Amino acid sequence: MAEKKRIAILTSGGDAPGMNAAIRAVVRAALYFDMEVYGIRDGYYGLMTDDMSLLSAGSVGDIIHRGGTMLGTARLPEFATDPATRQKCYDNLHAHGIEGLVVCGGDGSYRGASLVQKESGGINVVGLPGTIDNDLAYTDYTIGFDTAVNTCVDNINKLRDTMASHGRVSVVDVMGRGCGDIAVRSGIAAGAEAILIPEIKKTDNQWLDYIVQKLRTSFARGKKYGIIVMAEGVYAAPKMQHFTADYIASWLNANSNTIGHRVDARGCVIGHVQRGGSPTASDRILSARMGEMAVNLLRENKGGLCVGIVKNRIVAADIDKALSMRRRVDKHLIELADILAR
């Protein structure tokens, strides 16, 4: 009687809502096809320390609605730089008879997955895009992105109540690193006057002029408060490290004469709360579809791939090609935001 195919799954890098739903999908789909699944604790670090155990259908019960990752996540920089560390990880996989590995994470996790595929000696690897940033260009959406956007909108809605009461302007800092997708979508959904993203190259003075213009238009038609949404990648740009939400708010307070309206502005950093919370239905379904695809690829002895969604179709892409692709900003959404803020 042939031995069952044995695979493993780990989550790596920053956590994202929907990772648990992805773990559940991989485990349940694999068990359906009579495969064994090992869960690796704390990402590549757990792979190095051999912290893994066999998962059952019950192991992943009652987790689909939970944020975070039941497997935990940690960073292991040595994996990228030290061949001896990597070899120890490969030896642990072989010792458990692991034939396939699912890696759920962002671009850094994918780079590690690519190394496993090339160096491990026969272990196939499939990546699942678990990152709220939505910064992987080969897929329309990543696991956790929709939840993060909804979290931002919910927080901005709560800020709106106090902004309207006090006639304030809130400059809201959202996550996304060098990708402005969270800012664009949460800004449009929340009715922001201005949206600042790193993909649009402006100097700090150009951004300030843009904000002033938008607020001036908004106040002229009778609105009593304002919402500015900025992606954290804007102030991560060279020479713009000072350009934070608090800086912009302070500048607006000191230069309200340029707007022609009294301004009481405050900066607000939503921060890591964007990573938490129960995943939306959209993220749960996306995770389920992607997890099943990952299992099917490993069943077919395919590796060096990553799962994505393009025009609502679940697809597989070469992981190295996926990493080399440059994400393009949705210009139509930028134009739409500008039109709606008039």
C-alpha atoms as a PDB file:
ATOM      1  CA  MET A   1       0.000   0.000   0.000  1.00  0.00           C
ATOM      2  CA  ALA A   2       1.525   3.315  -1.075  1.00  0.00           C
ATOM      3  CA  GLU A   3       2.371   5.851   1.626  1.00  0.00           C
ATOM      4  CA  LYS A   4       0.225   8.937   1.858  1.00  0.00           C
ATOM      5  CA  LYS A   5       1.565  12.116   0.324  1.00  0.00           C
ATOM      6  CA  ARG A   6       2.796  14.327   3.143  1.00  0.00           C
ATOM      7  CA  ILE A   7       2.819  18.123   3.000  1.00  0.00           C
ATOM      8  CA  ALA A   8       3.376  20.961   5.450  1.00  0.00           C
ATOM      9  CA  ILE A   9       2.217  24.546   5.836  1.00  0.00           C
ATOM     10  CA  LEU A  10       3.738  27.600   7.497  1.00  0.00           C
ATOM     11  CA  THR A  11       2.773  31.247   7.830  1.00  0.00           C
ATOM     12  CA  SER A  12       5.524  33.823   7.662  1.00  0.00           C
ATOM     13  CA  GLY A  13       6.154  37.566   7.906  1.00  0.00           C
ATOM     14  CA  GLY A  14       3.452  39.946   9.079  1.00  0.00           C
ATOM     15  CA  ASP A  15       0.173  38.285   9.986  1.00  0.00           C
ATOM     16  CA  ALA A  16      -2.931  38.947   7.885  1.00  0.00           C
ATOM     17  CA  PRO A  17      -6.631  38.282   8.521  1.00  0.00           C
ATOM     18  CA  GLY A  18      -7.544  35.174   6.541  1.00  0.00           C
ATOM     19  CA  MET A  19      -4.354  33.246   7.243  1.00  0.00           C
ATOM     20  CA  ASN A  20      -6.306  30.929   9.549  1.00  0.00           C
ATOM     21  CA  ALA A  21      -8.923  30.418   6.858  1.00  0.00           C
ATOM     22  CA  ALA A  22      -6.113  29.508   4.442  1.00  0.00           C
ATOM     23  CA  ILE A  23      -4.597  27.036   6.911  1.00  0.00           C
ATOM     24  CA  ARG A  24      -8.015  25.458   7.390  1.00  0.00           C
ATOM     25  CA  ALA A  25      -8.562  25.174   3.638  1.00  0.00           C
ATOM     26  CA  VAL A  26      -5.176  23.558   3.026  1.00  0.00           C
ATOM     27  CA  VAL A  27      -5.631  21.034   5.840  1.00  0.00           C
ATOM     28  CA  ARG A  28      -9.225  20.100   5.006  1.00  0.00           C
ATOM     29  CA  ALA A  29      -8.566  19.865   1.254  1.00  0.00           C
ATOM     30  CA  ALA A  30      -5.454  17.739   1.807  1.00  0.00           C
ATOM     31  CA  LEU A  31      -7.288  15.380   4.151  1.00  0.00           C
ATOM     32  CA  TYR A  32     -10.090  15.047   1.603  1.00  0.00           C
ATOM     33  CA  PHE A  33      -7.503  13.752  -0.867  1.00  0.00           C
ATOM     34  CA  ASP A  34      -6.045  11.383   1.739  1.00  0.00           C
ATOM     35  CA  MET A  35      -2.889  13.421   2.349  1.00  0.00           C
ATOM     36  CA  GLU A  36      -1.159  14.166   5.646  1.00  0.00           C
ATOM     37  CA  VAL A  37      -0.500  17.759   6.702  1.00  0.00           C
ATOM     38  CA  TYR A  38       2.059  19.075   9.165  1.00  0.00           C
ATOM     39  CA  GLY A  39       1.725  22.519  10.666  1.00  0.00           C
ATOM     40  CA  ILE A  40       4.999  24.375  11.215  1.00  0.00           C
ATOM     41  CA  ARG A  41       5.026  26.831  14.101  1.00  0.00           C
ATOM     42  CA  ASP A  42       6.451  30.357  13.756  1.00  0.00           C
ATOM     43  CA  GLY A  43       7.324  30.327  10.084  1.00  0.00           C
ATOM     44  CA  TYR A  44      10.862  29.625   8.921  1.00  0.00           C
ATOM     45  CA  TYR A  45      12.083  29.837  12.519  1.00  0.00           C
ATOM     46  CA  GLY A  46       9.931  26.842  13.426  1.00  0.00           C
ATOM     47  CA  LEU A  47      11.198  25.071  10.333  1.00  0.00           C
ATOM     48  CA  MET A  48      14.756  25.561  11.599  1.00  0.00           C
ATOM     49  CA  THR A  49      13.924  24.368  15.144  1.00  0.00           C
ATOM     50  CA  ASP A  50      11.817  21.450  13.878  1.00  0.00           C
ATOM     51  CA  ASP A  51       8.689  22.762  15.599  1.00  0.00           C
ATOM     52  CA  MET A  52       6.040  20.976  13.572  1.00  0.00           C
ATOM     53  CA  SER A  53       3.203  18.550  14.238  1.00  0.00           C
ATOM     54  CA  LEU A  54       0.576  16.581  12.369  1.00  0.00           C
ATOM     55  CA  LEU A  55      -2.728  18.412  11.891  1.00  0.00           C
ATOM     56  CA  SER A  56      -6.195  16.870  11.855  1.00  0.00           C
ATOM     57  CA  ALA A  57      -9.568  18.178  10.698  1.00  0.00           C
ATOM     58  CA  GLY A  58     -10.248  19.054  14.322  1.00  0.00           C
ATOM     59  CA  SER A  59      -6.967  20.954  14.628  1.00  0.00           C
ATOM     60  CA  VAL A  60      -8.335  23.617  12.296  1.00  0.00           C
ATOM     61  CA  GLY A  61     -11.871  23.735  13.649  1.00  0.00           C
ATOM     62  CA  ASP A  62     -13.241  27.046  14.940  1.00  0.00           C
ATOM     63  CA  ILE A  63     -10.513  29.166  13.319  1.00  0.00           C
ATOM     64  CA  ILE A  64     -12.059  30.400  10.058  1.00  0.00           C
ATOM     65  CA  HIS A  65     -13.401  33.526  11.766  1.00  0.00           C
ATOM     66  CA  ARG A  66     -10.280  34.324  13.770  1.00  0.00           C
ATOM     67  CA  GLY A  67      -7.650  36.887  12.837  1.00  0.00           C
ATOM     68  CA  GLY A  68      -3.940  36.231  13.129  1.00  0.00           C
ATOM     69  CA  THR A  69      -2.510  32.763  12.529  1.00  0.00           C
ATOM     70  CA  MET A  70      -2.897  29.713  14.733  1.00  0.00           C
ATOM     71  CA  LEU A  71       0.548  28.562  13.573  1.00  0.00           C
ATOM     72  CA  GLY A  72       2.232  31.777  14.675  1.00  0.00           C
ATOM     73  CA  THR A  73       4.728  33.744  12.641  1.00  0.00           C
ATOM     74  CA  ALA A  74       8.273  34.957  13.172  1.00  0.00           C
ATOM     75  CA  ARG A  75      11.106  36.346  11.114  1.00  0.00           C
ATOM     76  CA  LEU A  76      14.348  34.466  10.423  1.00  0.00           C
ATOM     77  CA  PRO A  77      16.720  36.788   8.500  1.00  0.00           C
ATOM     78  CA  GLU A  78      19.403  34.093   8.511  1.00  0.00           C
ATOM     79  CA  PHE A  79      17.305  31.995   6.167  1.00  0.00           C
ATOM     80  CA  ALA A  80      18.082  34.408   3.356  1.00  0.00           C
ATOM     81  CA  THR A  81      21.790  34.793   4.152  1.00  0.00           C
ATOM     82  CA  ASP A  82      23.071  31.568   5.712  1.00  0.00           C
ATOM     83  CA  PRO A  83      23.154  28.348   3.654  1.00  0.00           C
ATOM     84  CA  ALA A  84      23.769  26.291   6.814  1.00  0.00           C
ATOM     85  CA  THR A  85      20.536  27.579   8.354  1.00  0.00           C
ATOM     86  CA  ARG A  86      18.628  26.703   5.226  1.00  0.00           C
ATOM     87  CA  GLN A  87      20.130  23.233   5.065  1.00  0.00           C
ATOM     88  CA  LYS A  88      19.008  22.576   8.621  1.00  0.00           C
ATOM     89  CA  CYS A  89      15.471  23.504   7.558  1.00  0.00           C
ATOM     90  CA  TYR A  90      15.641  21.187   4.565  1.00  0.00           C
ATOM     91  CA  ASP A  91      16.960  18.341   6.715  1.00  0.00           C
ATOM     92  CA  ASN A  92      14.009  18.750   9.081  1.00  0.00           C
ATOM     93  CA  LEU A  93      11.549  18.607   6.201  1.00  0.00           C
ATOM     94  CA  HIS A  94      13.168  15.464   4.819  1.00  0.00           C
ATOM     95  CA  ALA A  95      13.259  13.842   8.274  1.00  0.00           C
ATOM     96  CA  HIS A  96       9.480  14.136   8.445  1.00  0.00           C
ATOM     97  CA  GLY A  97       9.047  12.883   4.898  1.00  0.00           C
ATOM     98  CA  ILE A  98       7.600  16.193   3.703  1.00  0.00           C
ATOM     99  CA  GLU A  99       7.132  16.239  -0.072  1.00  0.00           C
ATOM    100  CA  GLY A 100       5.378  19.581  -0.448  1.00  0.00           C
ATOM    101  CA  LEU A 101       5.322  22.872   1.452  1.00  0.00           C
ATOM    102  CA  VAL A 102       2.737  25.666   1.453  1.00  0.00           C
ATOM    103  CA  VAL A 103       4.111  29.072   2.446  1.00  0.00           C
ATOM    104  CA  CYS A 104       1.578  31.781   3.286  1.00  0.00           C
ATOM    105  CA  GLY A 105       3.082  35.263   3.448  1.00  0.00           C
ATOM    106  CA  GLY A 106       4.321  38.253   1.482  1.00  0.00           C
ATOM    107  CA  ASP A 107       7.284  38.918  -0.802  1.00  0.00           C
ATOM    108  CA  GLY A 108       9.944  38.058   1.796  1.00  0.00           C
ATOM    109  CA  SER A 109       8.227  34.762   2.531  1.00  0.00           C
ATOM    110  CA  TYR A 110       8.057  34.064  -1.203  1.00  0.00           C
ATOM    111  CA  ARG A 111      11.794  34.619  -1.574  1.00  0.00           C
ATOM    112  CA  GLY A 112      12.333  32.002   1.092  1.00  0.00           C
ATOM    113  CA  ALA A 113       9.906  29.670  -0.676  1.00  0.00           C
ATOM    114  CA  SER A 114      11.862  30.076  -3.908  1.00  0.00           C
ATOM    115  CA  LEU A 115      15.053  29.031  -2.134  1.00  0.00           C
ATOM    116  CA  VAL A 116      13.377  25.930  -0.701  1.00  0.00           C
ATOM    117  CA  GLN A 117      12.174  24.952  -4.165  1.00  0.00           C
ATOM    118  CA  LYS A 118      15.656  25.309  -5.665  1.00  0.00           C
ATOM    119  CA  GLU A 119      17.820  23.925  -2.872  1.00  0.00           C
ATOM    120  CA  SER A 120      15.853  21.389  -0.830  1.00  0.00           C
ATOM    121  CA  GLY A 121      16.272  18.464  -3.163  1.00  0.00           C
ATOM    122  CA  GLY A 122      12.817  17.580  -4.399  1.00  0.00           C
ATOM    123  CA  ILE A 123      10.417  19.390  -2.070  1.00  0.00           C
ATOM    124  CA  ASN A 124       7.772  21.274  -4.035  1.00  0.00           C
ATOM    125  CA  VAL A 125       6.711  24.648  -2.688  1.00  0.00           C
ATOM    126  CA  VAL A 126       3.540  26.669  -3.337  1.00  0.00           C
ATOM    127  CA  GLY A 127       2.999  30.198  -2.066  1.00  0.00           C
ATOM    128  CA  LEU A 128      -0.228  31.776  -0.815  1.00  0.00           C
ATOM    129  CA  PRO A 129      -0.284  35.607  -0.805  1.00  0.00           C
ATOM    130  CA  GLY A 130      -0.911  36.412   2.854  1.00  0.00           C
ATOM    131  CA  THR A 131      -0.332  40.154   3.275  1.00  0.00           C
ATOM    132  CA  ILE A 132      -2.622  43.098   3.942  1.00  0.00           C
ATOM    133  CA  ASP A 133      -0.494  45.345   1.701  1.00  0.00           C
ATOM    134  CA  ASN A 134      -1.800  43.922  -1.610  1.00  0.00           C
ATOM    135  CA  ASP A 135       1.666  44.571  -3.009  1.00  0.00           C
ATOM    136  CA  LEU A 136       2.195  41.352  -4.997  1.00  0.00           C
ATOM    137  CA  ALA A 137       1.731  42.316  -8.632  1.00  0.00           C
ATOM    138  CA  TYR A 138       0.790  38.907 -10.041  1.00  0.00           C
ATOM    139  CA  THR A 139      -2.529  38.774  -8.148  1.00  0.00           C
ATOM    140  CA  ASP A 140      -5.423  41.206  -8.049  1.00  0.00           C
ATOM    141  CA  TYR A 141      -5.909  40.686  -4.314  1.00  0.00           C
ATOM    142  CA  THR A 142      -3.967  39.229  -1.416  1.00  0.00           C
ATOM    143  CA  ILE A 143      -5.315  37.459   1.661  1.00  0.00           C
ATOM    144  CA  GLY A 144      -6.088  40.035   4.361  1.00  0.00           C
ATOM    145  CA  PHE A 145      -6.295  43.095   2.125  1.00  0.00           C
ATOM    146  CA  ASP A 146     -10.090  43.340   2.077  1.00  0.00           C
ATOM    147  CA  THR A 147     -10.287  43.039   5.863  1.00  0.00           C
ATOM    148  CA  ALA A 148      -7.612  45.694   6.349  1.00  0.00           C
ATOM    149  CA  VAL A 149      -9.492  48.110   4.080  1.00  0.00           C
ATOM    150  CA  ASN A 150     -12.713  47.503   5.990  1.00  0.00           C
ATOM    151  CA  THR A 151     -10.902  48.044   9.295  1.00  0.00           C
ATOM    152  CA  CYS A 152      -9.579  51.376   8.030  1.00  0.00           C
ATOM    153  CA  VAL A 153     -13.010  52.460   6.821  1.00  0.00           C
ATOM    154  CA  ASP A 154     -14.550  51.505  10.162  1.00  0.00           C
ATOM    155  CA  ASN A 155     -11.935  53.542  12.025  1.00  0.00           C
ATOM    156  CA  ILE A 156     -12.365  56.537   9.722  1.00  0.00           C
ATOM    157  CA  ASN A 157     -16.141  56.339  10.202  1.00  0.00           C
ATOM    158  CA  LYS A 158     -15.598  56.592  13.948  1.00  0.00           C
ATOM    159  CA  LEU A 159     -13.222  59.512  13.478  1.00  0.00           C
ATOM    160  CA  ARG A 160     -15.815  61.173  11.285  1.00  0.00           C
ATOM    161  CA  ASP A 161     -18.204  61.470  14.242  1.00  0.00           C
ATOM    162  CA  THR A 162     -15.769  63.511  16.307  1.00  0.00           C
ATOM    163  CA  MET A 163     -14.507  65.429  13.253  1.00  0.00           C
ATOM    164  CA  ALA A 164     -18.037  66.527  12.417  1.00  0.00           C
ATOM    165  CA  SER A 165     -18.730  67.475  16.043  1.00  0.00           C
ATOM    166  CA  HIS A 166     -15.606  69.633  16.339  1.00  0.00           C
ATOM    167  CA  GLY A 167     -15.183  70.769  12.741  1.00  0.00           C
ATOM    168  CA  ARG A 168     -11.800  69.085  12.473  1.00  0.00           C
ATOM    169  CA  VAL A 169      -9.568  67.719   9.739  1.00  0.00           C
ATOM    170  CA  SER A 170      -8.110  64.252  10.346  1.00  0.00           C
ATOM    171  CA  VAL A 171      -4.958  63.152   8.548  1.00  0.00           C
ATOM    172  CA  VAL A 172      -5.187  59.364   8.698  1.00  0.00           C
ATOM    173  CA  ASP A 173      -2.078  57.203   8.247  1.00  0.00           C
ATOM    174  CA  VAL A 174      -2.773  53.688   6.909  1.00  0.00           C
ATOM    175  CA  MET A 175      -0.432  50.772   6.203  1.00  0.00           C
ATOM    176  CA  GLY A 176       0.716  49.336   2.898  1.00  0.00           C
ATOM    177  CA  ARG A 177       4.476  49.991   2.789  1.00  0.00           C
ATOM    178  CA  GLY A 178       5.253  51.063  -0.776  1.00  0.00           C
ATOM    179  CA  CYS A 179       1.787  50.166  -2.059  1.00  0.00           C
ATOM    180  CA  GLY A 180      -1.064  52.648  -1.790  1.00  0.00           C
ATOM    181  CA  ASP A 181      -3.960  50.226  -2.349  1.00  0.00           C
ATOM    182  CA  ILE A 182      -5.242  50.343   1.241  1.00  0.00           C
ATOM    183  CA  ALA A 183      -5.145  54.148   1.187  1.00  0.00           C
ATOM    184  CA  VAL A 184      -6.907  54.433  -2.175  1.00  0.00           C
ATOM    185  CA  ARG A 185      -9.725  52.040  -1.417  1.00  0.00           C
ATOM    186  CA  SER A 186     -10.316  53.097   2.164  1.00  0.00           C
ATOM    187  CA  GLY A 187     -10.099  56.746   1.098  1.00  0.00           C
ATOM    188  CA  ILE A 188     -12.724  56.322  -1.611  1.00  0.00           C
ATOM    189  CA  ALA A 189     -14.991  54.267   0.658  1.00  0.00           C
ATOM    190  CA  ALA A 190     -14.702  56.823   3.465  1.00  0.00           C
ATOM    191  CA  GLY A 191     -15.231  59.870   1.247  1.00  0.00           C
ATOM    192  CA  ALA A 192     -11.784  61.387   1.817  1.00  0.00           C
ATOM    193  CA  GLU A 193     -10.993  64.823   0.422  1.00  0.00           C
ATOM    194  CA  ALA A 194      -7.417  63.820  -0.472  1.00  0.00           C
ATOM    195  CA  ILE A 195      -5.532  60.538  -0.788  1.00  0.00           C
ATOM    196  CA  LEU A 196      -1.721  60.423  -0.696  1.00  0.00           C
ATOM    197  CA  ILE A 197       0.073  57.345  -2.055  1.00  0.00           C
ATOM    198  CA  PRO A 198       3.739  56.597  -2.805  1.00  0.00           C
ATOM    199  CA  GLU A 199       3.066  55.588  -6.414  1.00  0.00           C
ATOM    200  CA  ILE A 200       2.277  59.216  -7.234  1.00  0.00           C
ATOM    201  CA  LYS A 201       5.534  61.125  -7.022  1.00  0.00           C
ATOM    202  CA  LYS A 202       5.176  64.556  -5.468  1.00  0.00           C
ATOM    203  CA  THR A 203       7.355  66.660  -3.214  1.00  0.00           C
ATOM    204  CA  ASP A 204       6.047  67.502   0.232  1.00  0.00           C
ATOM    205  CA  ASN A 205       5.120  71.017  -0.953  1.00  0.00           C
ATOM    206  CA  GLN A 206       3.244  69.587  -3.920  1.00  0.00           C
ATOM    207  CA  TRP A 207       1.293  67.282  -1.622  1.00  0.00           C
ATOM    208  CA  LEU A 208       0.494  70.162   0.716  1.00  0.00           C
ATOM    209  CA  ASP A 209      -0.746  72.272  -2.206  1.00  0.00           C
ATOM    210  CA  TYR A 210      -2.917  69.359  -3.295  1.00  0.00           C
ATOM    211  CA  ILE A 211      -4.410  68.993   0.198  1.00  0.00           C
ATOM    212  CA  VAL A 212      -5.064  72.736   0.460  1.00  0.00           C
ATOM    213  CA  GLN A 213      -6.833  72.742  -2.893  1.00  0.00           C
ATOM    214  CA  LYS A 214      -9.045  69.814  -1.892  1.00  0.00           C
ATOM    215  CA  LEU A 215      -9.932  71.247   1.508  1.00  0.00           C
ATOM    216  CA  ARG A 216     -10.627  74.675   0.025  1.00  0.00           C
ATOM    217  CA  THR A 217     -13.077  73.124  -2.447  1.00  0.00           C
ATOM    218  CA  SER A 218     -14.735  71.039   0.252  1.00  0.00           C
ATOM    219  CA  PHE A 219     -15.156  73.913   2.713  1.00  0.00           C
ATOM    220  CA  ALA A 220     -16.453  76.201  -0.068  1.00  0.00           C
ATOM    221  CA  ARG A 221     -19.412  73.890  -0.647  1.00  0.00           C
ATOM    222  CA  GLY A 222     -20.282  73.884   3.034  1.00  0.00           C
ATOM    223  CA  LYS A 223     -18.545  70.883   4.546  1.00  0.00           C
ATOM    224  CA  LYS A 224     -17.367  71.506   8.108  1.00  0.00           C
ATOM    225  CA  TYR A 225     -14.660  68.849   8.437  1.00  0.00           C
ATOM    226  CA  GLY A 226     -12.132  66.988   6.298  1.00  0.00           C
ATOM    227  CA  ILE A 227     -10.559  63.570   5.818  1.00  0.00           C
ATOM    228  CA  ILE A 228      -7.049  63.106   4.435  1.00  0.00           C
ATOM    229  CA  VAL A 229      -5.841  59.521   3.962  1.00  0.00           C
ATOM    230  CA  MET A 230      -2.139  58.838   3.445  1.00  0.00           C
ATOM    231  CA  ALA A 231      -0.236  55.599   2.890  1.00  0.00           C
ATOM    232  CA  GLU A 232       2.744  55.058   5.167  1.00  0.00           C
ATOM    233  CA  GLY A 233       4.953  54.636   2.093  1.00  0.00           C
ATOM    234  CA  VAL A 234       4.663  58.350   1.340  1.00  0.00           C
ATOM    235  CA  TYR A 235       6.902  59.330   4.237  1.00  0.00           C
ATOM    236  CA  ALA A 236       9.147  56.324   3.717  1.00  0.00           C
ATOM    237  CA  ALA A 237      10.353  57.922   0.492  1.00  0.00           C
ATOM    238  CA  PRO A 238      13.819  59.532   0.398  1.00  0.00           C
ATOM    239  CA  LYS A 239      13.897  63.072   1.817  1.00  0.00           C
ATOM    240  CA  MET A 240      10.302  62.779   3.104  1.00  0.00           C
ATOM    241  CA  GLN A 241      10.779  60.974   6.423  1.00  0.00           C
ATOM    242  CA  HIS A 242       9.398  63.985   8.278  1.00  0.00           C
ATOM    243  CA  PHE A 243       6.225  64.027   6.184  1.00  0.00           C
ATOM    244  CA  THR A 244       4.011  62.210   8.687  1.00  0.00           C
ATOM    245  CA  ALA A 245       0.324  62.607   9.521  1.00  0.00           C
ATOM    246  CA  ASP A 246       1.216  64.732  12.537  1.00  0.00           C
ATOM    247  CA  TYR A 247       3.482  66.938  10.429  1.00  0.00           C
ATOM    248  CA  ILE A 248       0.755  67.560   7.859  1.00  0.00           C
ATOM    249  CA  ALA A 249      -1.794  68.290  10.587  1.00  0.00           C
ATOM    250  CA  SER A 250       0.570  70.772  12.258  1.00  0.00           C
ATOM    251  CA  TRP A 251       1.285  72.451   8.931  1.00  0.00           C
ATOM    252  CA  LEU A 252      -2.439  72.807   8.196  1.00  0.00           C
ATOM    253  CA  ASN A 253      -3.031  74.352  11.615  1.00  0.00           C
ATOM    254  CA  ALA A 254      -0.236  76.846  11.061  1.00  0.00           C
ATOM    255  CA  ASN A 255      -1.309  77.706   7.509  1.00  0.00           C
ATOM    256  CA  SER A 256      -5.095  77.748   7.681  1.00  0.00           C
ATOM    257  CA  ASN A 257      -5.049  81.159   5.968  1.00  0.00           C
ATOM    258  CA  THR A 258      -4.114  79.384   2.722  1.00  0.00           C
ATOM    259  CA  ILE A 259      -7.358  77.429   2.941  1.00  0.00           C
ATOM    260  CA  GLY A 260      -9.547  80.382   3.810  1.00  0.00           C
ATOM    261  CA  HIS A 261     -11.137  78.493   6.683  1.00  0.00           C
ATOM    262  CA  ARG A 262     -10.247  77.895  10.305  1.00  0.00           C
ATOM    263  CA  VAL A 263      -8.548  74.516  10.565  1.00  0.00           C
ATOM    264  CA  ASP A 264      -8.220  72.270  13.597  1.00  0.00           C
ATOM    265  CA  ALA A 265      -6.273  69.319  12.210  1.00  0.00           C
ATOM    266  CA  ARG A 266      -5.133  66.147  13.962  1.00  0.00           C
ATOM    267  CA  GLY A 267      -2.953  63.263  12.834  1.00  0.00           C
ATOM    268  CA  CYS A 268      -4.117  59.697  13.396  1.00  0.00           C
ATOM    269  CA  VAL A 269      -2.105  56.515  12.825  1.00  0.00           C
ATOM    270  CA  ILE A 270      -4.405  53.481  12.601  1.00  0.00           C
ATOM    271  CA  GLY A 271      -1.386  51.186  12.920  1.00  0.00           C
ATOM    272  CA  HIS A 272      -1.302  47.455  13.545  1.00  0.00           C
ATOM    273  CA  VAL A 273      -5.008  47.214  14.322  1.00  0.00           C
ATOM    274  CA  GLN A 274      -5.253  46.855  10.529  1.00  0.00           C
ATOM    275  CA  ARG A 275      -3.640  43.427  10.808  1.00  0.00           C
ATOM    276  CA  GLY A 276      -6.190  42.137  13.292  1.00  0.00           C
ATOM    277  CA  GLY A 277      -9.854  41.342  13.485  1.00  0.00           C
ATOM    278  CA  SER A 278     -12.136  38.709  12.074  1.00  0.00           C
ATOM    279  CA  PRO A 279     -11.578  38.340   8.310  1.00  0.00           C
ATOM    280  CA  THR A 280     -14.330  39.509   5.994  1.00  0.00           C
ATOM    281  CA  ALA A 281     -16.420  37.011   4.043  1.00  0.00           C
ATOM    282  CA  SER A 282     -14.448  38.015   0.946  1.00  0.00           C
ATOM    283  CA  ASP A 283     -11.110  37.160   2.585  1.00  0.00           C
ATOM    284  CA  ARG A 284     -12.438  33.865   3.946  1.00  0.00           C
ATOM    285  CA  ILE A 285     -13.686  32.768   0.536  1.00  0.00           C
ATOM    286  CA  LEU A 286     -10.488  33.914  -1.172  1.00  0.00           C
ATOM    287  CA  SER A 287      -8.418  31.951   1.351  1.00  0.00           C
ATOM    288  CA  ALA A 288     -10.547  28.845   0.804  1.00  0.00           C
ATOM    289  CA  ARG A 289     -10.206  28.999  -2.978  1.00  0.00           C
ATOM    290  CA  MET A 290      -6.473  29.647  -2.848  1.00  0.00           C
ATOM    291  CA  GLY A 291      -5.850  26.947  -0.226  1.00  0.00           C
ATOM    292  CA  GLU A 292      -7.601  24.340  -2.324  1.00  0.00           C
ATOM    293  CA  MET A 293      -5.565  25.346  -5.382  1.00  0.00           C
ATOM    294  CA  ALA A 294      -2.320  25.006  -3.422  1.00  0.00           C
ATOM    295  CA  VAL A 295      -3.223  21.454  -2.437  1.00  0.00           C
ATOM    296  CA  ASN A 296      -4.177  20.543  -6.001  1.00  0.00           C
ATOM    297  CA  LEU A 297      -0.840  21.814  -7.308  1.00  0.00           C
ATOM    298  CA  LEU A 298       1.081  19.743  -4.766  1.00  0.00           C
ATOM    299  CA  ARG A 299      -1.057  16.698  -5.570  1.00  0.00           C
ATOM    300  CA  GLU A 300       0.120  17.104  -9.159  1.00  0.00           C
ATOM    301  CA  ASN A 301       3.757  17.320  -7.983  1.00  0.00           C
ATOM    302  CA  LYS A 302       4.026  20.951  -9.078  1.00  0.00           C
ATOM    303  CA  GLY A 303       6.104  23.505  -7.221  1.00  0.00           C
ATOM    304  CA  GLY A 304       7.923  26.794  -7.520  1.00  0.00           C
ATOM    305  CA  LEU A 305       4.503  28.391  -7.925  1.00  0.00           C
ATOM    306  CA  CYS A 306       2.312  30.885  -6.126  1.00  0.00           C
ATOM    307  CA  VAL A 307      -1.474  31.087  -6.134  1.00  0.00           C
ATOM    308  CA  GLY A 308      -3.311  34.278  -7.052  1.00  0.00           C
ATOM    309  CA  ILE A 309      -6.607  35.621  -8.309  1.00  0.00           C
ATOM    310  CA  VAL A 310      -6.992  37.449 -11.625  1.00  0.00           C
ATOM    311  CA  LYS A 311     -10.412  38.641 -12.810  1.00  0.00           C
ATOM    312  CA  ASN A 312     -11.988  36.348 -10.197  1.00  0.00           C
ATOM    313  CA  ARG A 313     -10.155  33.268 -11.502  1.00  0.00           C
ATOM    314  CA  ILE A 314      -7.759  31.399  -9.243  1.00  0.00           C
ATOM    315  CA  VAL A 315      -4.433  31.122 -11.064  1.00  0.00           C
ATOM    316  CA  ALA A 316      -0.906  29.851 -10.480  1.00  0.00           C
ATOM    317  CA  ALA A 317       2.206  31.807 -11.402  1.00  0.00           C
ATOM    318  CA  ASP A 318       5.923  31.075 -11.351  1.00  0.00           C
ATOM    319  CA  ILE A 319       7.101  32.396  -8.007  1.00  0.00           C
ATOM    320  CA  ASP A 320      10.265  34.033  -9.341  1.00  0.00           C
ATOM    321  CA  LYS A 321       8.387  35.744 -12.160  1.00  0.00           C
ATOM    322  CA  ALA A 322       5.774  36.880  -9.668  1.00  0.00           C
ATOM    323  CA  LEU A 323       8.448  38.472  -7.496  1.00  0.00           C
ATOM    324  CA  SER A 324       9.943  40.287 -10.473  1.00  0.00           C
ATOM    325  CA  MET A 325       6.638  41.886 -11.496  1.00  0.00           C
ATOM    326  CA  ARG A 326       6.092  45.531 -10.647  1.00  0.00           C
ATOM    327  CA  ARG A 327       2.719  46.494  -9.264  1.00  0.00           C
ATOM    328  CA  ARG A 328       0.924  49.256 -11.141  1.00  0.00           C
ATOM    329  CA  VAL A 329      -1.401  51.684  -9.444  1.00  0.00           C
ATOM    330  CA  ASP A 330      -5.014  51.659 -10.636  1.00  0.00           C
ATOM    331  CA  LYS A 331      -5.116  55.070 -12.305  1.00  0.00           C
ATOM    332  CA  HIS A 332      -8.868  54.915 -12.764  1.00  0.00           C
ATOM    333  CA  LEU A 333      -9.384  54.640  -9.001  1.00  0.00           C
ATOM    334  CA  ILE A 334      -7.113  57.646  -8.464  1.00  0.00           C
ATOM    335  CA  GLU A 335      -9.116  59.633 -11.006  1.00  0.00           C
ATOM    336  CA  LEU A 336     -12.369  58.458  -9.416  1.00  0.00           C
ATOM    337  CA  ALA A 337     -11.214  59.586  -5.977  1.00  0.00           C
ATOM    338  CA  ASP A 338     -10.367  62.998  -7.410  1.00  0.00           C
ATOM    339  CA  ILE A 339     -13.736  63.308  -9.140  1.00  0.00           C
ATOM    340  CA  LEU A 340     -15.730  62.298  -6.074  1.00  0.00           C
ATOM    341  CA  ALA A 341     -13.860  64.739  -3.823  1.00  0.00           C
ATOM    342  CA  ARG A 342     -14.836  67.788  -5.892  1.00  0.00           C
END
